[in-house]
Amino acid sequence: MTLQQLKYAVTVAECRTISKAAEKVFISQPSLTAAIRQLEDEMNVKIFSRTNKGIEITKDGEIFLSYARQVLEQADLLEEKFTGKRSANPFFSVSCQHYSFAVNAFVDVIKEFGGNKYNFTLRETQTFEIIEDVSFLKSEVGILYTDSKNEEIIGKLLKKKRA
């Protein structure tokens, strides 16, 4: 397993298609596919399920990718510490449903902390995926709106994730 393979896997997960990921990391699609398969074989884990619509991350893949992101972040910190090279801007990601108050708050955060200092991402998705994003470190913050109708369901989802 190499850091490059981990970067490839994380990029594929972010792009959700091999072709878009290959463009982003500047390698051919077959080379990227081969690198991912080699990583999956070496680590004895199926990270992605291939479909005609792109790829889907498997349950084991989500766990693997959360560790991969941590390894890559630690490698960046190590390089920064001992070479003095600043890595790319740190990421700050928020997952939420389509809430105007969340979008407005996110814009305020960008204004406050400067859009050039961080790579900001606002991910609009469904409740279950918000919980997954925070659980697997895709997002630092997840915004969930609860009311009397959905509070019990969201509570169960959160408890299940802690178990």
Protein backbone atom coordinates (compact mmCIF):
# COMPACT_ATOMS: atom_id res chain seq x y z
CA MET A 1 0.00 0.00 0.00
CA THR A 2 1.32 3.42 -0.92
CA LEU A 3 0.24 6.95 -0.09
CA GLN A 4 -0.42 7.42 -3.79
CA GLN A 5 -2.88 4.52 -3.81
CA LEU A 6 -4.63 6.00 -0.76
CA LYS A 7 -4.86 9.37 -2.54
CA TYR A 8 -6.35 7.64 -5.57
CA ALA A 9 -8.96 5.83 -3.46
CA VAL A 10 -9.98 9.02 -1.66
CA THR A 11 -10.21 10.90 -4.96
CA VAL A 12 -12.39 8.18 -6.49
CA ALA A 13 -14.66 8.36 -3.44
CA GLU A 14 -14.94 12.14 -3.77
CA CYS A 15 -15.58 12.10 -7.52
CA ARG A 16 -17.89 9.06 -7.47
CA THR A 17 -16.63 7.98 -10.90
CA ILE A 18 -13.33 6.51 -12.04
CA SER A 19 -13.22 8.72 -15.14
CA LYS A 20 -13.60 12.00 -13.20
CA ALA A 21 -11.06 10.84 -10.60
CA ALA A 22 -8.58 9.86 -13.33
CA GLU A 23 -8.83 13.35 -14.82
CA LYS A 24 -8.35 14.93 -11.41
CA VAL A 25 -5.18 12.93 -10.59
CA PHE A 26 -3.85 13.12 -14.16
CA ILE A 27 -3.60 9.40 -14.95
CA SER A 28 -5.41 7.15 -17.36
CA GLN A 29 -8.63 5.48 -16.32
CA PRO A 30 -7.19 1.93 -16.75
CA SER A 31 -4.15 2.85 -14.62
CA LEU A 32 -6.36 4.24 -11.88
CA THR A 33 -8.60 1.18 -11.96
CA ALA A 34 -5.55 -1.09 -11.73
CA ALA A 35 -4.12 0.87 -8.79
CA ILE A 36 -7.42 0.66 -6.90
CA ARG A 37 -7.78 -3.08 -7.60
CA GLN A 38 -4.20 -3.68 -6.46
CA LEU A 39 -4.92 -1.76 -3.23
CA GLU A 40 -8.14 -3.72 -2.65
CA ASP A 41 -6.32 -7.02 -3.26
CA GLU A 42 -3.40 -6.11 -1.03
CA MET A 43 -5.60 -4.92 1.82
CA ASN A 44 -8.17 -7.68 1.31
CA VAL A 45 -11.07 -5.24 1.19
CA LYS A 46 -13.58 -4.25 -1.45
CA ILE A 47 -13.66 -0.47 -1.28
CA PHE A 48 -15.92 0.19 -4.25
CA SER A 49 -18.75 -1.57 -6.04
CA ARG A 50 -18.72 -0.76 -9.72
CA THR A 51 -22.06 0.00 -11.35
CA ASN A 52 -23.12 1.31 -14.73
CA LYS A 53 -23.78 4.66 -13.02
CA GLY A 54 -20.30 4.93 -11.52
CA ILE A 55 -19.07 3.55 -8.25
CA GLU A 56 -20.58 3.06 -4.84
CA ILE A 57 -18.57 2.88 -1.66
CA THR A 58 -19.03 -0.37 0.25
CA LYS A 59 -19.55 -0.47 4.02
CA ASP A 60 -15.97 -1.76 4.44
CA GLY A 61 -14.89 0.89 1.94
CA GLU A 62 -16.30 3.67 4.14
CA ILE A 63 -14.26 2.39 7.07
CA PHE A 64 -11.15 1.96 4.93
CA LEU A 65 -11.50 5.46 3.48
CA SER A 66 -11.88 7.05 6.91
CA TYR A 67 -8.54 5.51 7.90
CA ALA A 68 -7.00 6.46 4.54
CA ARG A 69 -7.99 10.10 5.04
CA GLN A 70 -6.41 10.07 8.49
CA VAL A 71 -3.18 8.53 7.14
CA LEU A 72 -3.01 11.13 4.37
CA GLU A 73 -3.63 13.96 6.80
CA GLN A 74 -0.91 12.64 9.12
CA ALA A 75 1.50 12.30 6.18
CA ASP A 76 0.81 15.94 5.26
CA LEU A 77 1.47 17.01 8.85
CA LEU A 78 4.69 14.98 8.95
CA GLU A 79 5.91 16.51 5.70
CA GLU A 80 5.00 20.00 6.88
CA LYS A 81 6.77 19.50 10.22
CA PHE A 82 10.06 18.21 8.87
CA THR A 83 10.38 19.78 5.44
CA GLY A 84 8.84 23.12 6.27
CA LYS A 85 6.64 22.78 3.18
CA ARG A 86 3.11 23.96 3.76
CA SER A 87 0.63 21.48 2.44
CA ALA A 88 -2.44 22.55 0.57
CA ASN A 89 -5.03 24.52 2.47
CA PRO A 90 -6.77 22.47 5.16
CA PHE A 91 -10.26 21.23 4.44
CA PHE A 92 -13.41 22.24 6.27
CA SER A 93 -16.52 20.39 5.22
CA VAL A 94 -20.11 20.67 6.42
CA SER A 95 -22.87 18.21 5.57
CA CYS A 96 -26.51 19.21 5.80
CA GLN A 97 -29.83 19.02 4.07
CA HIS A 98 -30.88 21.96 1.92
CA TYR A 99 -31.37 24.48 4.72
CA SER A 100 -31.11 28.16 3.84
CA PHE A 101 -30.00 29.00 7.39
CA ALA A 102 -27.11 26.51 7.07
CA VAL A 103 -26.04 27.93 3.72
CA ASN A 104 -26.14 31.47 5.12
CA ALA A 105 -24.10 30.42 8.17
CA PHE A 106 -21.61 28.61 5.94
CA VAL A 107 -21.13 31.75 3.83
CA ASP A 108 -20.57 33.73 7.04
CA VAL A 109 -17.90 31.23 8.14
CA ILE A 110 -16.10 31.59 4.81
CA LYS A 111 -16.20 35.39 5.12
CA GLU A 112 -14.95 35.24 8.72
CA PHE A 113 -12.07 32.81 8.15
CA GLY A 114 -11.17 33.72 4.58
CA GLY A 115 -11.89 31.64 1.53
CA ASN A 116 -8.18 31.47 0.70
CA LYS A 117 -7.09 29.83 3.96
CA TYR A 118 -9.28 26.72 3.79
CA ASN A 119 -10.82 24.48 1.17
CA PHE A 120 -14.47 24.84 2.16
CA THR A 121 -17.09 22.30 1.13
CA LEU A 122 -20.82 22.35 1.79
CA ARG A 123 -22.33 18.97 1.09
CA GLU A 124 -26.11 18.95 0.75
CA THR A 125 -27.41 15.43 1.29
CA GLN A 126 -29.91 13.31 3.23
CA THR A 127 -30.09 12.77 6.98
CA PHE A 128 -28.50 9.32 6.97
CA GLU A 129 -25.60 10.52 4.80
CA ILE A 130 -25.02 13.53 7.06
CA ILE A 131 -24.53 11.16 9.98
CA GLU A 132 -22.28 8.92 7.84
CA ASP A 133 -20.21 11.90 6.64
CA VAL A 134 -19.41 13.02 10.17
CA SER A 135 -18.92 9.47 11.42
CA PHE A 136 -16.39 8.67 8.68
CA LEU A 137 -14.70 12.10 8.82
CA LYS A 138 -15.87 13.26 5.40
CA SER A 139 -17.24 16.34 7.15
CA GLU A 140 -16.18 18.06 10.33
CA VAL A 141 -19.72 19.29 11.00
CA GLY A 142 -23.15 17.85 10.27
CA ILE A 143 -26.30 19.94 10.60
CA LEU A 144 -29.52 18.11 11.41
CA TYR A 145 -32.84 19.79 12.03
CA THR A 146 -35.11 17.98 14.43
CA ASP A 147 -38.74 18.52 15.26
CA SER A 148 -41.41 16.49 17.01
CA LYS A 149 -42.00 14.43 13.86
CA ASN A 150 -38.45 13.29 13.15
CA GLU A 151 -36.66 13.57 16.52
CA GLU A 152 -37.18 9.91 17.46
CA ILE A 153 -35.94 8.61 14.11
CA ILE A 154 -32.85 10.81 14.09
CA GLY A 155 -32.15 9.83 17.70
CA LYS A 156 -32.25 6.15 16.74
CA LEU A 157 -29.91 6.74 13.79
CA LEU A 158 -27.42 8.55 16.03
CA LYS A 159 -27.56 5.86 18.72
CA LYS A 160 -27.07 3.15 16.11
CA LYS A 161 -23.99 4.96 14.79
CA ARG A 162 -22.46 5.16 18.31
CA ALA A 163 -22.87 1.42 18.86
